[in-house]
C-alpha atoms as a PDB file:
ATOM      1  CA  MET A   1     143.281 -61.521 168.050  1.00  0.00           C
ATOM      2  CA  SER A   2     144.754 -64.623 169.224  1.00  0.00           C
ATOM      3  CA  SER A   3     146.237 -67.108 166.279  1.00  0.00           C
ATOM      4  CA  ALA A   4     144.011 -69.787 167.257  1.00  0.00           C
ATOM      5  CA  ALA A   5     140.881 -67.265 167.666  1.00  0.00           C
ATOM      6  CA  ALA A   6     141.887 -66.591 164.089  1.00  0.00           C
ATOM      7  CA  GLY A   7     142.245 -69.771 162.645  1.00  0.00           C
ATOM      8  CA  HIS A   8     145.624 -70.082 162.381  1.00  0.00           C
ATOM      9  CA  VAL A   9     147.801 -73.418 163.933  1.00  0.00           C
ATOM     10  CA  LEU A  10     151.038 -71.168 163.875  1.00  0.00           C
ATOM     11  CA  GLU A  11     151.929 -67.536 164.475  1.00  0.00           C
ATOM     12  CA  VAL A  12     155.569 -66.579 164.203  1.00  0.00           C
ATOM     13  CA  ARG A  13     156.787 -62.873 164.882  1.00  0.00           C
ATOM     14  CA  GLY A  14     159.705 -61.675 164.846  1.00  0.00           C
ATOM     15  CA  LEU A  15     161.530 -64.690 164.798  1.00  0.00           C
ATOM     16  CA  SER A  16     165.958 -64.618 164.823  1.00  0.00           C
ATOM     17  CA  VAL A  17     167.884 -67.388 165.439  1.00  0.00           C
ATOM     18  CA  ARG A  18     171.347 -66.115 165.589  1.00  0.00           C
ATOM     19  CA  MET A  19     174.827 -68.688 166.432  1.00  0.00           C
ATOM     20  CA  PRO A  20     178.314 -67.713 167.331  1.00  0.00           C
ATOM     21  CA  THR A  21     181.244 -68.379 165.056  1.00  0.00           C
ATOM     22  CA  ARG A  22     184.674 -67.748 165.549  1.00  0.00           C
ATOM     23  CA  ALA A  23     184.261 -65.194 162.569  1.00  0.00           C
ATOM     24  CA  GLY A  24     181.475 -63.445 164.341  1.00  0.00           C
ATOM     25  CA  MET A  25     178.198 -63.653 165.104  1.00  0.00           C
ATOM     26  CA  LEU A  26     175.638 -65.919 162.600  1.00  0.00           C
ATOM     27  CA  HIS A  27     172.114 -64.214 161.517  1.00  0.00           C
ATOM     28  CA  ALA A  28     170.888 -67.064 160.425  1.00  0.00           C
ATOM     29  CA  VAL A  29     167.211 -65.967 160.356  1.00  0.00           C
ATOM     30  CA  ASN A  30     166.356 -62.308 160.731  1.00  0.00           C
ATOM     31  CA  GLY A  31     162.909 -61.073 161.748  1.00  0.00           C
ATOM     32  CA  VAL A  32     161.209 -63.486 160.278  1.00  0.00           C
ATOM     33  CA  ASP A  33     156.445 -63.029 160.293  1.00  0.00           C
ATOM     34  CA  PHE A  34     154.622 -65.867 158.802  1.00  0.00           C
ATOM     35  CA  SER A  35     151.602 -67.261 159.887  1.00  0.00           C
ATOM     36  CA  VAL A  36     149.816 -71.190 159.089  1.00  0.00           C
ATOM     37  CA  ALA A  37     146.288 -71.485 159.054  1.00  0.00           C
ATOM     38  CA  ARG A  38     144.167 -74.586 159.745  1.00  0.00           C
ATOM     39  CA  GLY A  39     144.185 -76.672 156.526  1.00  0.00           C
ATOM     40  CA  ARG A  40     146.122 -74.780 154.601  1.00  0.00           C
ATOM     41  CA  THR A  41     149.506 -74.552 153.057  1.00  0.00           C
ATOM     42  CA  LEU A  42     152.326 -72.083 153.604  1.00  0.00           C
ATOM     43  CA  CYS A  43     155.238 -72.886 151.024  1.00  0.00           C
ATOM     44  CA  LEU A  44     158.538 -71.513 152.412  1.00  0.00           C
ATOM     45  CA  VAL A  45     160.864 -71.194 148.948  1.00  0.00           C
ATOM     46  CA  GLY A  46     164.468 -70.389 148.523  1.00  0.00           C
ATOM     47  CA  GLU A  47     168.285 -71.180 148.028  1.00  0.00           C
ATOM     48  CA  SER A  48     170.203 -73.743 150.362  1.00  0.00           C
ATOM     49  CA  GLY A  49     170.890 -72.077 153.099  1.00  0.00           C
ATOM     50  CA  CYS A  50     168.741 -69.105 153.458  1.00  0.00           C
ATOM     51  CA  GLY A  51     167.120 -70.385 156.840  1.00  0.00           C
ATOM     52  CA  LYS A  52     164.157 -72.204 155.529  1.00  0.00           C
ATOM     53  CA  SER A  53     165.519 -75.532 157.912  1.00  0.00           C
ATOM     54  CA  LEU A  54     166.664 -73.386 161.053  1.00  0.00           C
ATOM     55  CA  THR A  55     163.603 -71.303 160.801  1.00  0.00           C
ATOM     56  CA  ALA A  56     161.405 -75.061 161.253  1.00  0.00           C
ATOM     57  CA  PHE A  57     163.729 -76.077 163.886  1.00  0.00           C
ATOM     58  CA  ALA A  58     163.200 -72.914 165.836  1.00  0.00           C
ATOM     59  CA  VAL A  59     159.638 -73.530 165.660  1.00  0.00           C
ATOM     60  CA  MET A  60     160.212 -76.961 166.909  1.00  0.00           C
ATOM     61  CA  GLY A  61     162.833 -76.458 169.413  1.00  0.00           C
ATOM     62  CA  LEU A  62     165.209 -78.096 168.136  1.00  0.00           C
ATOM     63  CA  LEU A  63     167.866 -75.680 167.429  1.00  0.00           C
ATOM     64  CA  PRO A  64     172.030 -76.204 168.192  1.00  0.00           C
ATOM     65  CA  LYS A  65     173.016 -75.599 172.265  1.00  0.00           C
ATOM     66  CA  ARG A  66     174.566 -72.619 171.240  1.00  0.00           C
ATOM     67  CA  ALA A  67     171.773 -71.383 168.660  1.00  0.00           C
ATOM     68  CA  VAL A  68     169.859 -67.965 170.287  1.00  0.00           C
ATOM     69  CA  ARG A  69     166.534 -68.136 169.562  1.00  0.00           C
ATOM     70  CA  SER A  70     164.249 -64.697 170.197  1.00  0.00           C
ATOM     71  CA  ALA A  71     160.509 -63.932 168.510  1.00  0.00           C
ATOM     72  CA  ALA A  72     158.157 -61.455 169.614  1.00  0.00           C
ATOM     73  CA  THR A  73     155.539 -64.297 169.385  1.00  0.00           C
ATOM     74  CA  LEU A  74     155.638 -67.689 168.723  1.00  0.00           C
ATOM     75  CA  ARG A  75     152.150 -69.264 169.163  1.00  0.00           C
ATOM     76  CA  PHE A  76     150.718 -72.504 168.339  1.00  0.00           C
ATOM     77  CA  ASP A  77     147.242 -73.261 168.508  1.00  0.00           C
ATOM     78  CA  ALA A  78     146.493 -70.897 171.546  1.00  0.00           C
ATOM     79  CA  GLU A  79     149.837 -72.565 173.429  1.00  0.00           C
ATOM     80  CA  ASP A  80     153.101 -70.313 173.917  1.00  0.00           C
ATOM     81  CA  LEU A  81     155.843 -72.061 172.244  1.00  0.00           C
ATOM     82  CA  LEU A  82     158.158 -69.409 173.766  1.00  0.00           C
ATOM     83  CA  ARG A  83     157.219 -70.280 177.301  1.00  0.00           C
ATOM     84  CA  ALA A  84     156.565 -74.059 177.231  1.00  0.00           C
ATOM     85  CA  SER A  85     159.241 -76.359 179.044  1.00  0.00           C
ATOM     86  CA  PRO A  86     160.996 -78.705 177.380  1.00  0.00           C
ATOM     87  CA  SER A  87     158.734 -81.495 178.810  1.00  0.00           C
ATOM     88  CA  ARG A  88     156.066 -79.421 177.209  1.00  0.00           C
ATOM     89  CA  MET A  89     158.049 -79.267 173.697  1.00  0.00           C
ATOM     90  CA  SER A  90     158.884 -83.052 173.987  1.00  0.00           C
ATOM     91  CA  ALA A  91     155.387 -84.160 174.543  1.00  0.00           C
ATOM     92  CA  LEU A  92     153.943 -81.492 171.667  1.00  0.00           C
ATOM     93  CA  ARG A  93     156.556 -83.276 169.188  1.00  0.00           C
ATOM     94  CA  GLY A  94     155.228 -86.246 167.367  1.00  0.00           C
ATOM     95  CA  ASP A  95     151.836 -85.804 168.159  1.00  0.00           C
ATOM     96  CA  ARG A  96     150.132 -82.564 167.472  1.00  0.00           C
ATOM     97  CA  ILE A  97     153.233 -80.912 165.793  1.00  0.00           C
ATOM     98  CA  SER A  98     154.974 -83.410 163.906  1.00  0.00           C
ATOM     99  CA  MET A  99     158.339 -83.204 161.288  1.00  0.00           C
ATOM    100  CA  ILE A 100     159.396 -84.278 158.007  1.00  0.00           C
ATOM    101  CA  PHE A 101     162.897 -83.948 158.578  1.00  0.00           C
ATOM    102  CA  GLN A 102     164.879 -83.846 155.393  1.00  0.00           C
ATOM    103  CA  ASP A 103     167.958 -86.134 155.423  1.00  0.00           C
ATOM    104  CA  PRO A 104     166.443 -89.401 155.201  1.00  0.00           C
ATOM    105  CA  MET A 105     169.419 -91.292 155.854  1.00  0.00           C
ATOM    106  CA  THR A 106     170.170 -90.094 158.665  1.00  0.00           C
ATOM    107  CA  ALA A 107     166.963 -89.210 161.039  1.00  0.00           C
ATOM    108  CA  LEU A 108     165.469 -93.168 161.656  1.00  0.00           C
ATOM    109  CA  ASN A 109     167.449 -94.853 164.288  1.00  0.00           C
ATOM    110  CA  PRO A 110     169.355 -97.872 163.024  1.00  0.00           C
ATOM    111  CA  LEU A 111     169.295 -99.473 166.485  1.00  0.00           C
ATOM    112  CA  PHE A 112     165.596 -99.932 165.685  1.00  0.00           C
ATOM    113  CA  THR A 113     163.541-101.968 163.789  1.00  0.00           C
ATOM    114  CA  ILE A 114     160.999 -99.548 161.668  1.00  0.00           C
ATOM    115  CA  GLY A 115     157.952-101.101 163.790  1.00  0.00           C
ATOM    116  CA  THR A 116     159.637-100.353 167.217  1.00  0.00           C
ATOM    117  CA  GLN A 117     159.948 -96.873 166.347  1.00  0.00           C
ATOM    118  CA  ILE A 118     156.602 -96.365 164.593  1.00  0.00           C
ATOM    119  CA  ARG A 119     154.943 -97.943 167.059  1.00  0.00           C
ATOM    120  CA  ASP A 120     156.548 -96.007 169.763  1.00  0.00           C
ATOM    121  CA  VAL A 121     155.786 -92.128 168.244  1.00  0.00           C
ATOM    122  CA  LEU A 122     152.115 -93.579 168.291  1.00  0.00           C
ATOM    123  CA  ARG A 123     151.872 -95.368 172.082  1.00  0.00           C
ATOM    124  CA  GLN A 124     154.146 -92.663 173.182  1.00  0.00           C
ATOM    125  CA  HIS A 125     151.087 -89.940 172.768  1.00  0.00           C
ATOM    126  CA  ARG A 126     147.964 -92.305 172.192  1.00  0.00           C
ATOM    127  CA  ARG A 127     146.775 -94.801 174.678  1.00  0.00           C
ATOM    128  CA  VAL A 128     146.759 -98.139 171.856  1.00  0.00           C
ATOM    129  CA  GLY A 129     147.689-101.105 172.259  1.00  0.00           C
ATOM    130  CA  ARG A 130     151.002-103.207 170.744  1.00  0.00           C
ATOM    131  CA  ARG A 131     148.640-104.831 167.968  1.00  0.00           C
ATOM    132  CA  GLU A 132     146.626-101.720 167.231  1.00  0.00           C
ATOM    133  CA  ALA A 133     149.844 -99.400 166.966  1.00  0.00           C
ATOM    134  CA  ALA A 134     150.831-102.472 164.367  1.00  0.00           C
ATOM    135  CA  GLU A 135     148.111-102.538 162.221  1.00  0.00           C
ATOM    136  CA  LEU A 136     147.689 -98.259 162.144  1.00  0.00           C
ATOM    137  CA  ALA A 137     151.392 -98.407 161.082  1.00  0.00           C
ATOM    138  CA  ILE A 138     150.820-100.972 158.273  1.00  0.00           C
ATOM    139  CA  GLU A 139     148.209 -99.047 157.273  1.00  0.00           C
ATOM    140  CA  LEU A 140     150.049 -95.985 156.911  1.00  0.00           C
ATOM    141  CA  LEU A 141     152.913 -97.205 155.234  1.00  0.00           C
ATOM    142  CA  ALA A 142     150.843 -98.778 152.691  1.00  0.00           C
ATOM    143  CA  ARG A 143     148.999 -95.744 152.160  1.00  0.00           C
ATOM    144  CA  VAL A 144     152.613 -93.933 151.583  1.00  0.00           C
ATOM    145  CA  GLY A 145     153.485 -96.441 148.993  1.00  0.00           C
ATOM    146  CA  VAL A 146     155.839 -98.565 150.960  1.00  0.00           C
ATOM    147  CA  PRO A 147     156.293-102.431 149.527  1.00  0.00           C
ATOM    148  CA  ASP A 148     155.374-105.194 151.782  1.00  0.00           C
ATOM    149  CA  PRO A 149     154.438-102.644 154.811  1.00  0.00           C
ATOM    150  CA  ALA A 150     153.915-105.324 156.929  1.00  0.00           C
ATOM    151  CA  GLY A 151     157.355-107.105 156.134  1.00  0.00           C
ATOM    152  CA  ARG A 152     159.010-104.031 156.393  1.00  0.00           C
ATOM    153  CA  LEU A 153     157.948-103.692 160.653  1.00  0.00           C
ATOM    154  CA  ASP A 154     160.803-106.507 161.431  1.00  0.00           C
ATOM    155  CA  GLN A 155     163.330-104.564 159.323  1.00  0.00           C
ATOM    156  CA  TYR A 156     165.897-102.303 159.931  1.00  0.00           C
ATOM    157  CA  PRO A 157     166.228 -98.901 158.067  1.00  0.00           C
ATOM    158  CA  HIS A 158     170.548-100.248 156.937  1.00  0.00           C
ATOM    159  CA  GLN A 159     167.591-102.299 155.150  1.00  0.00           C
ATOM    160  CA  GLN A 160     165.497 -99.586 152.700  1.00  0.00           C
ATOM    161  CA  SER A 161     167.145 -97.365 150.200  1.00  0.00           C
ATOM    162  CA  GLY A 162     166.705 -93.642 150.509  1.00  0.00           C
ATOM    163  CA  GLY A 163     163.380 -93.807 148.890  1.00  0.00           C
ATOM    164  CA  LEU A 164     161.787 -95.981 151.274  1.00  0.00           C
ATOM    165  CA  ARG A 165     163.507 -94.052 154.658  1.00  0.00           C
ATOM    166  CA  GLN A 166     161.941 -91.302 153.359  1.00  0.00           C
ATOM    167  CA  ARG A 167     158.314 -92.765 152.867  1.00  0.00           C
ATOM    168  CA  ILE A 168     158.771 -94.516 156.560  1.00  0.00           C
ATOM    169  CA  MET A 169     159.783 -91.134 158.126  1.00  0.00           C
ATOM    170  CA  ILE A 170     156.569 -89.275 156.135  1.00  0.00           C
ATOM    171  CA  ALA A 171     154.628 -92.388 157.861  1.00  0.00           C
ATOM    172  CA  MET A 172     156.165 -91.771 161.600  1.00  0.00           C
ATOM    173  CA  ALA A 173     155.757 -87.681 161.199  1.00  0.00           C
ATOM    174  CA  LEU A 174     151.564 -88.602 160.161  1.00  0.00           C
ATOM    175  CA  ILE A 175     150.818 -91.429 162.599  1.00  0.00           C
ATOM    176  CA  CYS A 176     149.460 -89.030 165.338  1.00  0.00           C
ATOM    177  CA  LYS A 177     147.294 -86.879 162.454  1.00  0.00           C
ATOM    178  CA  PRO A 178     149.331 -83.825 163.790  1.00  0.00           C
ATOM    179  CA  LEU A 179     147.651 -80.395 164.035  1.00  0.00           C
ATOM    180  CA  LEU A 180     150.929 -78.824 162.238  1.00  0.00           C
ATOM    181  CA  LEU A 181     152.835 -80.535 160.088  1.00  0.00           C
ATOM    182  CA  ILE A 182     156.151 -79.312 159.389  1.00  0.00           C
ATOM    183  CA  ALA A 183     157.581 -81.053 156.137  1.00  0.00           C
ATOM    184  CA  ASP A 184     161.420 -80.143 154.946  1.00  0.00           C
ATOM    185  CA  GLU A 185     161.938 -81.000 151.391  1.00  0.00           C
ATOM    186  CA  PRO A 186     159.753 -84.044 151.521  1.00  0.00           C
ATOM    187  CA  THR A 187     159.637 -85.237 148.184  1.00  0.00           C
ATOM    188  CA  THR A 188     163.314 -84.818 147.032  1.00  0.00           C
ATOM    189  CA  ALA A 189     163.850 -88.743 147.229  1.00  0.00           C
ATOM    190  CA  LEU A 190     160.666 -89.754 145.726  1.00  0.00           C
ATOM    191  CA  ASP A 191     159.972 -90.447 141.814  1.00  0.00           C
ATOM    192  CA  ALA A 192     157.236 -88.757 140.152  1.00  0.00           C
ATOM    193  CA  THR A 193     154.504 -91.013 141.021  1.00  0.00           C
ATOM    194  CA  VAL A 194     154.953 -92.192 144.621  1.00  0.00           C
ATOM    195  CA  GLN A 195     155.505 -87.967 145.063  1.00  0.00           C
ATOM    196  CA  ALA A 196     151.786 -87.124 143.637  1.00  0.00           C
ATOM    197  CA  GLN A 197     150.350 -90.370 145.721  1.00  0.00           C
ATOM    198  CA  LEU A 198     152.083 -88.097 148.556  1.00  0.00           C
ATOM    199  CA  LEU A 199     151.326 -84.809 148.384  1.00  0.00           C
ATOM    200  CA  GLU A 200     147.502 -86.060 147.838  1.00  0.00           C
ATOM    201  CA  LEU A 201     147.884 -87.910 151.125  1.00  0.00           C
ATOM    202  CA  LEU A 202     148.846 -84.383 152.928  1.00  0.00           C
ATOM    203  CA  ALA A 203     146.002 -82.715 151.088  1.00  0.00           C
ATOM    204  CA  GLU A 204     143.723 -85.730 152.479  1.00  0.00           C
ATOM    205  CA  LEU A 205     144.860 -85.547 155.876  1.00  0.00           C
ATOM    206  CA  GLN A 206     144.522 -81.300 155.844  1.00  0.00           C
ATOM    207  CA  SER A 207     140.800 -82.054 154.692  1.00  0.00           C
ATOM    208  CA  GLN A 208     140.058 -84.216 157.114  1.00  0.00           C
ATOM    209  CA  SER A 209     141.977 -83.250 160.426  1.00  0.00           C
ATOM    210  CA  GLY A 210     141.925 -79.204 159.439  1.00  0.00           C
ATOM    211  CA  THR A 211     146.072 -80.217 159.601  1.00  0.00           C
ATOM    212  CA  GLY A 212     148.060 -76.623 158.492  1.00  0.00           C
ATOM    213  CA  MET A 213     151.200 -77.359 157.241  1.00  0.00           C
ATOM    214  CA  LEU A 214     154.445 -75.451 156.527  1.00  0.00           C
ATOM    215  CA  PHE A 215     156.183 -76.976 153.509  1.00  0.00           C
ATOM    216  CA  ILE A 216     160.036 -76.218 152.682  1.00  0.00           C
ATOM    217  CA  THR A 217     160.814 -76.853 149.065  1.00  0.00           C
ATOM    218  CA  HIS A 218     163.145 -76.108 146.471  1.00  0.00           C
ATOM    219  CA  ASP A 219     160.586 -77.121 144.033  1.00  0.00           C
ATOM    220  CA  LEU A 220     158.251 -74.230 142.844  1.00  0.00           C
ATOM    221  CA  GLY A 221     156.007 -77.046 140.749  1.00  0.00           C
ATOM    222  CA  VAL A 222     155.399 -78.254 144.249  1.00  0.00           C
ATOM    223  CA  VAL A 223     154.594 -75.058 145.432  1.00  0.00           C
ATOM    224  CA  ALA A 224     152.156 -74.851 142.302  1.00  0.00           C
ATOM    225  CA  ASN A 225     149.920 -77.773 142.881  1.00  0.00           C
ATOM    226  CA  ILE A 226     149.913 -77.710 146.921  1.00  0.00           C
ATOM    227  CA  ALA A 227     150.556 -74.272 148.242  1.00  0.00           C
ATOM    228  CA  ASP A 228     147.608 -71.667 149.654  1.00  0.00           C
ATOM    229  CA  GLU A 229     150.635 -69.046 150.201  1.00  0.00           C
ATOM    230  CA  VAL A 230     154.132 -69.181 149.576  1.00  0.00           C
ATOM    231  CA  ALA A 231     157.377 -67.073 151.308  1.00  0.00           C
ATOM    232  CA  VAL A 232     160.157 -66.636 149.697  1.00  0.00           C
ATOM    233  CA  MET A 233     163.399 -66.865 151.603  1.00  0.00           C
ATOM    234  CA  TYR A 234     166.633 -65.064 151.158  1.00  0.00           C
ATOM    235  CA  GLY A 235     169.323 -64.332 153.440  1.00  0.00           C
ATOM    236  CA  GLY A 236     168.018 -65.121 156.587  1.00  0.00           C
ATOM    237  CA  ALA A 237     164.803 -63.058 156.094  1.00  0.00           C
ATOM    238  CA  ILE A 238     161.456 -63.577 153.806  1.00  0.00           C
ATOM    239  CA  VAL A 239     161.630 -61.107 150.971  1.00  0.00           C
ATOM    240  CA  GLU A 240     158.380 -61.597 149.311  1.00  0.00           C
ATOM    241  CA  ILE A 241     154.994 -63.315 150.773  1.00  0.00           C
ATOM    242  CA  GLY A 242     151.221 -63.859 149.705  1.00  0.00           C
ATOM    243  CA  PRO A 243     148.651 -66.140 148.211  1.00  0.00           C
ATOM    244  CA  ALA A 244     150.145 -68.593 145.970  1.00  0.00           C
ATOM    245  CA  ALA A 245     148.642 -67.587 142.802  1.00  0.00           C
ATOM    246  CA  GLU A 246     149.076 -64.052 143.514  1.00  0.00           C
ATOM    247  CA  VAL A 247     153.135 -64.131 143.999  1.00  0.00           C
ATOM    248  CA  LEU A 248     153.371 -66.979 141.481  1.00  0.00           C
ATOM    249  CA  ARG A 249     151.788 -64.966 138.434  1.00  0.00           C
ATOM    250  CA  ARG A 250     152.779 -60.716 139.721  1.00  0.00           C
ATOM    251  CA  PRO A 251     155.952 -61.518 142.041  1.00  0.00           C
ATOM    252  CA  GLN A 252     157.593 -58.621 142.785  1.00  0.00           C
ATOM    253  CA  HIS A 253     160.781 -58.782 144.304  1.00  0.00           C
ATOM    254  CA  PRO A 254     163.875 -59.423 141.622  1.00  0.00           C
ATOM    255  CA  TYR A 255     164.809 -62.613 144.096  1.00  0.00           C
ATOM    256  CA  THR A 256     161.743 -64.384 143.122  1.00  0.00           C
ATOM    257  CA  GLN A 257     161.240 -63.504 139.356  1.00  0.00           C
ATOM    258  CA  ALA A 258     164.748 -64.639 139.002  1.00  0.00           C
ATOM    259  CA  LEU A 259     163.666 -67.992 140.819  1.00  0.00           C
ATOM    260  CA  ILE A 260     160.690 -68.417 138.018  1.00  0.00           C
ATOM    261  CA  ALA A 261     163.149 -67.311 135.158  1.00  0.00           C
ATOM    262  CA  CYS A 262     165.315 -70.595 135.971  1.00  0.00           C
ATOM    263  CA  LEU A 263     162.744 -72.768 135.383  1.00  0.00           C
ATOM    264  CA  PRO A 264     162.643 -74.529 131.541  1.00  0.00           C
ATOM    265  CA  ARG A 265     159.431 -73.673 129.775  1.00  0.00           C
ATOM    266  CA  ARG A 266     158.217 -76.037 127.829  1.00  0.00           C
ATOM    267  CA  GLY A 267     158.065 -75.493 123.745  1.00  0.00           C
ATOM    268  CA  VAL A 268     159.905 -72.227 124.916  1.00  0.00           C
ATOM    269  CA  THR A 269     163.429 -73.361 126.438  1.00  0.00           C
ATOM    270  CA  PRO A 270     165.456 -74.976 123.757  1.00  0.00           C
ATOM    271  CA  ARG A 271     166.650 -78.662 123.974  1.00  0.00           C
ATOM    272  CA  ARG A 272     169.739 -79.479 125.539  1.00  0.00           C
ATOM    273  CA  SER A 273     170.242 -75.747 126.303  1.00  0.00           C
ATOM    274  CA  PRO A 274     171.926 -74.449 129.538  1.00  0.00           C
ATOM    275  CA  LEU A 275     169.281 -73.485 132.216  1.00  0.00           C
ATOM    276  CA  ARG A 276     169.553 -69.774 133.443  1.00  0.00           C
ATOM    277  CA  THR A 277     171.251 -69.105 136.313  1.00  0.00           C
ATOM    278  CA  ILE A 278     171.082 -66.347 139.260  1.00  0.00           C
ATOM    279  CA  PRO A 279     174.368 -65.118 138.908  1.00  0.00           C
ATOM    280  CA  GLY A 280     176.747 -63.985 142.148  1.00  0.00           C
ATOM    281  CA  SER A 281     176.273 -66.223 145.636  1.00  0.00           C
ATOM    282  CA  PRO A 282     174.113 -65.366 148.823  1.00  0.00           C
ATOM    283  CA  PRO A 283     175.609 -63.338 150.713  1.00  0.00           C
ATOM    284  CA  SER A 284     177.302 -64.140 154.494  1.00  0.00           C
ATOM    285  CA  LEU A 285     175.042 -63.233 157.127  1.00  0.00           C
ATOM    286  CA  ILE A 286     177.630 -62.967 159.909  1.00  0.00           C
ATOM    287  CA  GLY A 287     178.049 -59.653 161.634  1.00  0.00           C
ATOM    288  CA  ALA A 288     176.187 -56.657 160.798  1.00  0.00           C
ATOM    289  CA  ALA A 289     174.051 -56.506 157.755  1.00  0.00           C
ATOM    290  CA  SER A 290     171.875 -53.129 156.419  1.00  0.00           C
ATOM    291  CA  GLY A 291     170.085 -53.163 153.517  1.00  0.00           C
ATOM    292  CA  CYS A 292     168.489 -55.562 150.814  1.00  0.00           C
ATOM    293  CA  ALA A 293     170.643 -58.681 151.071  1.00  0.00           C
ATOM    294  CA  PHE A 294     170.030 -59.429 147.082  1.00  0.00           C
ATOM    295  CA  ARG A 295     171.237 -55.858 145.815  1.00  0.00           C
ATOM    296  CA  ALA A 296     174.861 -57.522 144.901  1.00  0.00           C
ATOM    297  CA  ARG A 297     172.827 -60.184 142.901  1.00  0.00           C
ATOM    298  CA  CYS A 298     170.111 -58.021 141.582  1.00  0.00           C
ATOM    299  CA  GLU A 299     170.102 -56.261 138.277  1.00  0.00           C
ATOM    300  CA  HIS A 300     167.446 -53.760 139.108  1.00  0.00           C
ATOM    301  CA  ALA A 301     169.800 -52.765 142.114  1.00  0.00           C
ATOM    302  CA  ARG A 302     170.290 -48.915 142.937  1.00  0.00           C
ATOM    303  CA  PRO A 303     172.137 -46.707 145.527  1.00  0.00           C
ATOM    304  CA  ALA A 304     169.355 -46.762 147.891  1.00  0.00           C
ATOM    305  CA  CYS A 305     168.685 -50.714 148.764  1.00  0.00           C
ATOM    306  CA  GLY A 306     172.206 -50.630 150.208  1.00  0.00           C
ATOM    307  CA  ARG A 307     170.709 -48.688 153.244  1.00  0.00           C
ATOM    308  CA  GLU A 308     168.347 -49.730 156.121  1.00  0.00           C
ATOM    309  CA  ALA A 309     165.361 -48.576 153.897  1.00  0.00           C
ATOM    310  CA  GLY A 310     166.123 -51.331 151.579  1.00  0.00           C
ATOM    311  CA  GLN A 311     164.289 -54.159 154.231  1.00  0.00           C
ATOM    312  CA  ALA A 312     161.117 -51.726 154.801  1.00  0.00           C
ATOM    313  CA  LEU A 313     158.049 -54.034 153.617  1.00  0.00           C
ATOM    314  CA  HIS A 314     156.074 -52.988 150.989  1.00  0.00           C
ATOM    315  CA  SER A 315     152.465 -53.671 149.728  1.00  0.00           C
ATOM    316  CA  LEU A 316     151.058 -54.633 146.679  1.00  0.00           C
ATOM    317  CA  SER A 317     147.559 -55.874 148.171  1.00  0.00           C
ATOM    318  CA  ALA A 318     146.541 -56.398 152.075  1.00  0.00           C
ATOM    319  CA  ALA A 319     148.387 -60.076 151.556  1.00  0.00           C
ATOM    320  CA  HIS A 320     150.891 -59.771 149.188  1.00  0.00           C
ATOM    321  CA  GLN A 321     153.790 -57.810 150.543  1.00  0.00           C
ATOM    322  CA  PHE A 322     157.656 -57.536 149.321  1.00  0.00           C
ATOM    323  CA  ARG A 323     161.018 -56.188 150.975  1.00  0.00           C
ATOM    324  CA  CYS A 324     162.043 -54.158 147.423  1.00  0.00           C
ATOM    325  CA  LEU A 325     162.405 -50.679 146.411  1.00  0.00           C
ATOM    326  CA  ALA A 326     162.337 -51.522 143.043  1.00  0.00           C
ATOM    327  CA  PRO A 327     159.944 -54.436 142.401  1.00  0.00           C
ATOM    328  CA  VAL A 328     159.718 -55.970 139.256  1.00  0.00           C
ATOM    329  CA  GLY A 329     156.236 -55.546 139.132  1.00  0.00           C
ATOM    330  CA  GLY A 330     154.029 -57.228 136.564  1.00  0.00           C
ATOM    331  CA  ALA A 331     152.868 -60.521 135.364  1.00  0.00           C
ATOM    332  CA  SER A 332     155.558 -63.317 135.077  1.00  0.00           C
ATOM    333  CA  ALA A 333     155.480 -64.618 131.083  1.00  0.00           C
ATOM    334  CA  LEU A 334     158.325 -67.030 132.712  1.00  0.00           C
ATOM    335  CA  ALA A 335     156.775 -70.018 133.906  1.00  0.00           C
ATOM    336  CA  PRO A 336     152.691 -69.202 133.268  1.00  0.00           C
ATOM    337  CA  GLY A 337     152.284 -73.070 134.219  1.00  0.00           C
ATOM    338  CA  LEU A 338     152.649 -71.757 137.999  1.00  0.00           C
ATOM    339  CA  ALA A 339     149.040 -70.389 138.902  1.00  0.00           C
ATOM    340  CA  GLY A 340     148.978 -71.841 142.542  1.00  0.00           C
ATOM    341  CA  ARG A 341     146.397 -74.337 143.384  1.00  0.00           C
ATOM    342  CA  ARG A 342     143.873 -71.810 145.456  1.00  0.00           C
END
């Protein structure tokens, strides 16, 4: 069945990204599988350097020149992105597929005004006049919490704070009402109030347009509020994936459990006490590897985890899957507030 027939706006199977380095081949993304359904949100979580952003760049066709992308399936709606030409990808980006980039300080062109950059995105993909484009830009800037949106159109990126640049980037990504939105840490530079407004706006976009969203974040609180599904990534691979409520309540992989354990608990975690951390460091992804990448940091590791069998995929249910020979199992008593929105 095609992804379109199954209600998926994005289907990814066996996605890998390799890059040559002086020390050897870097296996940055290794055999990643996931789908994003229409009108639903898949949150991709994990530590910095685990491959989340590179996964997004691989979908968008924005990898560095030296990077080698491979996949069994990489399909957007009914279109095979593996066979899409550079011109076709350029036509899709900003229109049917949009991305909110992680760094607001470098994502905007310093040579053009805010208005020019937003209007150009819209006019490249839609037949609208300059005035109509400006009106739509002002409306969307206001909706993402930019004060004096009309006045911002004639200003340059260097005249904006980091938080305002973030909001402007978000407006640019939403201006064409994409079918697939990839959001890479979109709330990092925003205060709690604006963050809530943004998440509400994204939910509204999904309900109106059926937009599917791949949301990359470190914030499990955000995951609990917006995610329909969650995929936990470690060492370039997805180690646990499933419905958000099920993964957060019954994490099976020790890494997922460790991430949840690092969250402070209201009324339980003593004030001024140090937060829990995951001991050790993420593994090097250079060269061939076998077994579970988390085993050196895992208190449940056993000798078999160092063999290739440690990477086998197991199922707790039809939708909840994990890669672990010694699953933690049971309900998570460490973060009872994390339930998932559905």
